[in-house]
Amino acid sequence: MCEYSGRSYEVFVNKMLQSCCSLTATHVQCYCDRRAVTLQCGLQ
């Protein structure tokens, strides 16, 4: 998903983070490499 850029990318990531948080109620970390956006949710 790293081909996304600017606001479109930000909106995409924000939606993913919101979905993750709503499902897990945990801390969220999101990072992007050259291949994909990886979303990690874990307890803090």
PDB file of N, CA and C in Angstrom:
ATOM      1  N   MET A   1       0.816  -1.205   0.000  1.00  0.00           N
ATOM      2  CA  MET A   1       0.000   0.000   0.000  1.00  0.00           C
ATOM      3  C   MET A   1       0.854   1.261   0.000  1.00  0.00           C
ATOM      4  N   CYS A   2       2.148   1.087  -0.048  1.00  0.00           N
ATOM      5  CA  CYS A   2       3.027   2.245   0.038  1.00  0.00           C
ATOM      6  C   CYS A   2       2.966   3.121  -1.201  1.00  0.00           C
ATOM      7  N   GLU A   3       2.277   2.651  -2.223  1.00  0.00           N
ATOM      8  CA  GLU A   3       2.095   3.519  -3.376  1.00  0.00           C
ATOM      9  C   GLU A   3       1.162   4.673  -3.036  1.00  0.00           C
ATOM     10  N   TYR A   4       0.384   4.530  -1.962  1.00  0.00           N
ATOM     11  CA  TYR A   4      -0.420   5.650  -1.487  1.00  0.00           C
ATOM     12  C   TYR A   4       0.517   6.756  -1.017  1.00  0.00           C
ATOM     13  N   SER A   5       0.109   7.995  -1.215  1.00  0.00           N
ATOM     14  CA  SER A   5       0.948   9.097  -0.757  1.00  0.00           C
ATOM     15  C   SER A   5       0.070  10.260  -0.350  1.00  0.00           C
ATOM     16  N   GLY A   6       0.631  11.185   0.391  1.00  0.00           N
ATOM     17  CA  GLY A   6      -0.098  12.373   0.784  1.00  0.00           C
ATOM     18  C   GLY A   6      -1.334  12.049   1.604  1.00  0.00           C
ATOM     19  N   ARG A   7      -2.374  12.851   1.418  1.00  0.00           N
ATOM     20  CA  ARG A   7      -3.573  12.709   2.233  1.00  0.00           C
ATOM     21  C   ARG A   7      -4.264  11.363   2.006  1.00  0.00           C
ATOM     22  N   SER A   8      -4.248  10.863   0.787  1.00  0.00           N
ATOM     23  CA  SER A   8      -4.898   9.579   0.530  1.00  0.00           C
ATOM     24  C   SER A   8      -4.278   8.497   1.403  1.00  0.00           C
ATOM     25  N   TYR A   9      -2.960   8.502   1.492  1.00  0.00           N
ATOM     26  CA  TYR A   9      -2.272   7.521   2.328  1.00  0.00           C
ATOM     27  C   TYR A   9      -2.625   7.731   3.791  1.00  0.00           C
ATOM     28  N   GLU A  10      -2.639   8.998   4.234  1.00  0.00           N
ATOM     29  CA  GLU A  10      -2.956   9.289   5.629  1.00  0.00           C
ATOM     30  C   GLU A  10      -4.356   8.810   5.980  1.00  0.00           C
ATOM     31  N   VAL A  11      -5.314   9.061   5.083  1.00  0.00           N
ATOM     32  CA  VAL A  11      -6.692   8.635   5.323  1.00  0.00           C
ATOM     33  C   VAL A  11      -6.764   7.117   5.395  1.00  0.00           C
ATOM     34  N   PHE A  12      -6.070   6.444   4.476  1.00  0.00           N
ATOM     35  CA  PHE A  12      -6.049   4.983   4.481  1.00  0.00           C
ATOM     36  C   PHE A  12      -5.518   4.459   5.806  1.00  0.00           C
ATOM     37  N   VAL A  13      -4.388   4.991   6.235  1.00  0.00           N
ATOM     38  CA  VAL A  13      -3.775   4.530   7.478  1.00  0.00           C
ATOM     39  C   VAL A  13      -4.682   4.829   8.659  1.00  0.00           C
ATOM     40  N   ASN A  14      -5.249   6.035   8.695  1.00  0.00           N
ATOM     41  CA  ASN A  14      -6.129   6.389   9.801  1.00  0.00           C
ATOM     42  C   ASN A  14      -7.308   5.429   9.898  1.00  0.00           C
ATOM     43  N   LYS A  15      -7.886   5.062   8.767  1.00  0.00           N
ATOM     44  CA  LYS A  15      -9.007   4.127   8.780  1.00  0.00           C
ATOM     45  C   LYS A  15      -8.561   2.768   9.304  1.00  0.00           C
ATOM     46  N   MET A  16      -7.389   2.319   8.876  1.00  0.00           N
ATOM     47  CA  MET A  16      -6.882   1.043   9.349  1.00  0.00           C
ATOM     48  C   MET A  16      -6.646   1.086  10.852  1.00  0.00           C
ATOM     49  N   LEU A  17      -6.049   2.178  11.327  1.00  0.00           N
ATOM     50  CA  LEU A  17      -5.774   2.296  12.755  1.00  0.00           C
ATOM     51  C   LEU A  17      -7.066   2.325  13.551  1.00  0.00           C
ATOM     52  N   GLN A  18      -8.059   3.051  13.049  1.00  0.00           N
ATOM     53  CA  GLN A  18      -9.338   3.132  13.743  1.00  0.00           C
ATOM     54  C   GLN A  18     -10.004   1.762  13.805  1.00  0.00           C
ATOM     55  N   SER A  19      -9.958   1.015  12.717  1.00  0.00           N
ATOM     56  CA  SER A  19     -10.543  -0.322  12.708  1.00  0.00           C
ATOM     57  C   SER A  19      -9.840  -1.206  13.719  1.00  0.00           C
ATOM     58  N   CYS A  20      -8.528  -1.142  13.731  1.00  0.00           N
ATOM     59  CA  CYS A  20      -7.729  -1.955  14.638  1.00  0.00           C
ATOM     60  C   CYS A  20      -8.061  -1.599  16.085  1.00  0.00           C
ATOM     61  N   CYS A  21      -8.079  -0.317  16.395  1.00  0.00           N
ATOM     62  CA  CYS A  21      -8.345   0.114  17.762  1.00  0.00           C
ATOM     63  C   CYS A  21      -9.751  -0.269  18.189  1.00  0.00           C
ATOM     64  N   SER A  22     -10.710  -0.122  17.298  1.00  0.00           N
ATOM     65  CA  SER A  22     -12.092  -0.411  17.673  1.00  0.00           C
ATOM     66  C   SER A  22     -12.267  -1.902  17.951  1.00  0.00           C
ATOM     67  N   LEU A  23     -11.478  -2.729  17.291  1.00  0.00           N
ATOM     68  CA  LEU A  23     -11.593  -4.167  17.481  1.00  0.00           C
ATOM     69  C   LEU A  23     -10.836  -4.645  18.713  1.00  0.00           C
ATOM     70  N   THR A  24      -9.722  -3.997  19.028  1.00  0.00           N
ATOM     71  CA  THR A  24      -8.827  -4.539  20.046  1.00  0.00           C
ATOM     72  C   THR A  24      -8.710  -3.674  21.287  1.00  0.00           C
ATOM     73  N   ALA A  25      -9.059  -2.389  21.171  1.00  0.00           N
ATOM     74  CA  ALA A  25      -8.919  -1.453  22.278  1.00  0.00           C
ATOM     75  C   ALA A  25      -7.504  -1.487  22.836  1.00  0.00           C
ATOM     76  N   THR A  26      -6.532  -1.568  21.937  1.00  0.00           N
ATOM     77  CA  THR A  26      -5.138  -1.618  22.366  1.00  0.00           C
ATOM     78  C   THR A  26      -4.331  -0.551  21.647  1.00  0.00           C
ATOM     79  N   HIS A  27      -3.092  -0.424  22.075  1.00  0.00           N
ATOM     80  CA  HIS A  27      -2.174   0.494  21.415  1.00  0.00           C
ATOM     81  C   HIS A  27      -1.919   0.008  19.998  1.00  0.00           C
ATOM     82  N   VAL A  28      -1.768   0.955  19.089  1.00  0.00           N
ATOM     83  CA  VAL A  28      -1.566   0.618  17.682  1.00  0.00           C
ATOM     84  C   VAL A  28      -0.256   1.204  17.191  1.00  0.00           C
ATOM     85  N   GLN A  29       0.480   0.402  16.459  1.00  0.00           N
ATOM     86  CA  GLN A  29       1.651   0.903  15.755  1.00  0.00           C
ATOM     87  C   GLN A  29       1.465   0.601  14.278  1.00  0.00           C
ATOM     88  N   CYS A  30       1.772   1.575  13.451  1.00  0.00           N
ATOM     89  CA  CYS A  30       1.669   1.359  12.016  1.00  0.00           C
ATOM     90  C   CYS A  30       2.965   1.816  11.372  1.00  0.00           C
ATOM     91  N   TYR A  31       3.516   1.018  10.487  1.00  0.00           N
ATOM     92  CA  TYR A  31       4.692   1.453   9.763  1.00  0.00           C
ATOM     93  C   TYR A  31       4.622   0.959   8.329  1.00  0.00           C
ATOM     94  N   CYS A  32       5.378   1.616   7.489  1.00  0.00           N
ATOM     95  CA  CYS A  32       5.338   1.323   6.069  1.00  0.00           C
ATOM     96  C   CYS A  32       6.733   0.921   5.605  1.00  0.00           C
ATOM     97  N   ASP A  33       6.821  -0.164   4.860  1.00  0.00           N
ATOM     98  CA  ASP A  33       8.076  -0.483   4.190  1.00  0.00           C
ATOM     99  C   ASP A  33       7.844  -0.383   2.684  1.00  0.00           C
ATOM    100  N   ARG A  34       8.768  -0.861   1.890  1.00  0.00           N
ATOM    101  CA  ARG A  34       8.635  -0.677   0.447  1.00  0.00           C
ATOM    102  C   ARG A  34       7.554  -1.569  -0.151  1.00  0.00           C
ATOM    103  N   ARG A  35       7.106  -2.565   0.588  1.00  0.00           N
ATOM    104  CA  ARG A  35       6.163  -3.533   0.027  1.00  0.00           C
ATOM    105  C   ARG A  35       4.744  -3.318   0.515  1.00  0.00           C
ATOM    106  N   ALA A  36       4.573  -2.939   1.773  1.00  0.00           N
ATOM    107  CA  ALA A  36       3.217  -2.938   2.323  1.00  0.00           C
ATOM    108  C   ALA A  36       3.144  -2.111   3.583  1.00  0.00           C
ATOM    109  N   VAL A  37       1.939  -1.760   3.953  1.00  0.00           N
ATOM    110  CA  VAL A  37       1.688  -1.174   5.256  1.00  0.00           C
ATOM    111  C   VAL A  37       1.402  -2.316   6.212  1.00  0.00           C
ATOM    112  N   THR A  38       2.091  -2.318   7.335  1.00  0.00           N
ATOM    113  CA  THR A  38       1.859  -3.353   8.332  1.00  0.00           C
ATOM    114  C   THR A  38       1.247  -2.708   9.553  1.00  0.00           C
ATOM    115  N   LEU A  39       0.188  -3.309  10.036  1.00  0.00           N
ATOM    116  CA  LEU A  39      -0.529  -2.780  11.183  1.00  0.00           C
ATOM    117  C   LEU A  39      -0.331  -3.742  12.342  1.00  0.00           C
ATOM    118  N   GLN A  40       0.126  -3.225  13.463  1.00  0.00           N
ATOM    119  CA  GLN A  40       0.343  -4.065  14.626  1.00  0.00           C
ATOM    120  C   GLN A  40      -0.460  -3.520  15.790  1.00  0.00           C
ATOM    121  N   CYS A  41      -1.208  -4.398  16.456  1.00  0.00           N
ATOM    122  CA  CYS A  41      -1.959  -4.011  17.641  1.00  0.00           C
ATOM    123  C   CYS A  41      -1.496  -4.877  18.794  1.00  0.00           C
ATOM    124  N   GLY A  42      -1.173  -4.263  19.918  1.00  0.00           N
ATOM    125  CA  GLY A  42      -0.719  -5.040  21.054  1.00  0.00           C
ATOM    126  C   GLY A  42      -1.090  -4.375  22.356  1.00  0.00           C
ATOM    127  N   LEU A  43      -1.143  -5.149  23.391  1.00  0.00           N
ATOM    128  CA  LEU A  43      -1.434  -4.606  24.707  1.00  0.00           C
ATOM    129  C   LEU A  43      -0.268  -3.771  25.193  1.00  0.00           C
ATOM    130  N   GLN A  44      -0.583  -2.718  25.938  1.00  0.00           N
ATOM    131  CA  GLN A  44       0.460  -1.872  26.522  1.00  0.00           C
ATOM    132  C   GLN A  44       0.451  -2.045  28.023  1.00  0.00           C
TER     133      GLN A  44
END
